C-alpha atoms as a PDB file:
ATOM      1  CA  MET A   1      -0.005  -0.021   0.016  1.00  0.00           C
ATOM      2  CA  SER A   2       1.415   3.407  -0.973  1.00  0.00           C
ATOM      3  CA  LEU A   3       1.496   6.362   1.368  1.00  0.00           C
ATOM      4  CA  GLN A   4      -1.137   8.134  -0.722  1.00  0.00           C
ATOM      5  CA  GLU A   5      -3.485   5.213  -0.292  1.00  0.00           C
ATOM      6  CA  ARG A   6      -2.852   5.104   3.441  1.00  0.00           C
ATOM      7  CA  ILE A   7      -3.478   8.845   3.728  1.00  0.00           C
ATOM      8  CA  GLN A   8      -6.855   8.305   1.985  1.00  0.00           C
ATOM      9  CA  GLN A   9      -7.760   5.427   4.339  1.00  0.00           C
ATOM     10  CA  GLU A  10      -6.743   7.377   7.412  1.00  0.00           C
ATOM     11  CA  LEU A  11      -8.885  10.394   6.123  1.00  0.00           C
ATOM     12  CA  LYS A  12     -11.904   8.121   5.798  1.00  0.00           C
ATOM     13  CA  ALA A  13     -11.354   6.676   9.314  1.00  0.00           C
ATOM     14  CA  ALA A  14     -10.991  10.169  10.813  1.00  0.00           C
ATOM     15  CA  MET A  15     -14.169  11.288   9.083  1.00  0.00           C
ATOM     16  CA  LEU A  16     -16.054   8.326  10.492  1.00  0.00           C
ATOM     17  CA  ALA A  17     -14.601   9.047  13.927  1.00  0.00           C
ATOM     18  CA  LYS A  18     -15.517  12.764  13.545  1.00  0.00           C
ATOM     19  CA  ASP A  19     -12.014  13.757  14.458  1.00  0.00           C
ATOM     20  CA  ALA A  20     -11.999  17.314  13.040  1.00  0.00           C
ATOM     21  CA  ASP A  21      -8.334  18.043  13.684  1.00  0.00           C
ATOM     22  CA  THR A  22      -7.130  14.891  11.962  1.00  0.00           C
ATOM     23  CA  VAL A  23      -9.491  15.376   9.025  1.00  0.00           C
ATOM     24  CA  GLY A  24      -8.287  18.971   8.517  1.00  0.00           C
ATOM     25  CA  THR A  25      -4.668  17.937   8.659  1.00  0.00           C
ATOM     26  CA  LEU A  26      -5.057  15.047   6.274  1.00  0.00           C
ATOM     27  CA  ARG A  27      -6.990  17.183   3.870  1.00  0.00           C
ATOM     28  CA  LEU A  28      -4.237  19.792   3.818  1.00  0.00           C
ATOM     29  CA  LEU A  29      -1.738  17.042   3.114  1.00  0.00           C
ATOM     30  CA  LYS A  30      -3.850  15.445   0.434  1.00  0.00           C
ATOM     31  CA  SER A  31      -4.281  18.840  -1.225  1.00  0.00           C
ATOM     32  CA  ALA A  32      -0.519  19.493  -1.216  1.00  0.00           C
ATOM     33  CA  ILE A  33       0.015  16.089  -2.797  1.00  0.00           C
ATOM     34  CA  GLY A  34      -2.576  16.831  -5.464  1.00  0.00           C
ATOM     35  CA  TYR A  35      -0.850  20.156  -6.376  1.00  0.00           C
ATOM     36  CA  ALA A  36       2.512  18.388  -6.561  1.00  0.00           C
ATOM     37  CA  GLN A  37       0.982  15.778  -8.887  1.00  0.00           C
ATOM     38  CA  ILE A  38      -0.369  18.539 -11.138  1.00  0.00           C
ATOM     39  CA  GLU A  39       2.971  20.368 -11.096  1.00  0.00           C
ATOM     40  CA  ARG A  40       4.895  17.266 -12.001  1.00  0.00           C
ATOM     41  CA  LYS A  41       2.194  16.036 -14.452  1.00  0.00           C
ATOM     42  CA  THR A  42       1.930  12.605 -12.992  1.00  0.00           C
ATOM     43  CA  ASP A  43      -0.861  10.409 -11.573  1.00  0.00           C
ATOM     44  CA  ALA A  44       0.994   9.220  -8.453  1.00  0.00           C
ATOM     45  CA  LEU A  45       3.981  10.255  -6.442  1.00  0.00           C
ATOM     46  CA  SER A  46       6.537   7.822  -5.055  1.00  0.00           C
ATOM     47  CA  ASP A  47       6.591   7.247  -1.280  1.00  0.00           C
ATOM     48  CA  ALA A  48       9.851   9.179  -1.018  1.00  0.00           C
ATOM     49  CA  GLU A  49       8.285  12.170  -2.792  1.00  0.00           C
ATOM     50  CA  VAL A  50       5.277  12.006  -0.421  1.00  0.00           C
ATOM     51  CA  VAL A  51       7.603  11.918   2.580  1.00  0.00           C
ATOM     52  CA  GLY A  52       9.586  14.919   1.280  1.00  0.00           C
ATOM     53  CA  LEU A  53       6.351  16.826   0.597  1.00  0.00           C
ATOM     54  CA  THR A  54       5.089  16.000   4.092  1.00  0.00           C
ATOM     55  CA  GLN A  55       8.275  17.258   5.673  1.00  0.00           C
ATOM     56  CA  LYS A  56       8.069  20.472   3.592  1.00  0.00           C
ATOM     57  CA  GLU A  57       4.482  21.075   4.765  1.00  0.00           C
ATOM     58  CA  ILE A  58       5.440  20.409   8.430  1.00  0.00           C
ATOM     59  CA  LYS A  59       8.262  22.918   8.112  1.00  0.00           C
ATOM     60  CA  LYS A  60       5.893  25.537   6.633  1.00  0.00           C
ATOM     61  CA  ARG A  61       3.368  25.102   9.474  1.00  0.00           C
ATOM     62  CA  ARG A  62       6.096  25.283  12.144  1.00  0.00           C
ATOM     63  CA  ASP A  63       7.626  28.470  10.609  1.00  0.00           C
ATOM     64  CA  SER A  64       4.124  30.017  10.607  1.00  0.00           C
ATOM     65  CA  ILE A  65       3.516  29.157  14.184  1.00  0.00           C
ATOM     66  CA  GLU A  66       6.909  30.645  15.139  1.00  0.00           C
ATOM     67  CA  GLN A  67       6.235  33.892  13.308  1.00  0.00           C
ATOM     68  CA  PHE A  68       2.737  34.243  14.849  1.00  0.00           C
ATOM     69  CA  GLN A  69       4.159  33.641  18.303  1.00  0.00           C
ATOM     70  CA  SER A  70       6.958  36.152  17.803  1.00  0.00           C
ATOM     71  CA  GLY A  71       4.367  38.650  16.558  1.00  0.00           C
ATOM     72  CA  GLY A  72       2.377  38.243  19.770  1.00  0.00           C
ATOM     73  CA  ARG A  73      -0.612  36.583  18.118  1.00  0.00           C
END
């Protein structure tokens, strides 16, 4: 099972469990993967590409949190 398939299954499980935080996070990740697929003109990304994209998205969110905290928000 690829990481993309696993993300989709985890999203379904989170929706059934009504876990809003997990659903939101997985939707953001799935969206980023979709944009990367469009950008690279491919139907599926390799697991390594998905891991790299996930790390990139995590870094973006952490940087945003840091900036908001330093700005007093």
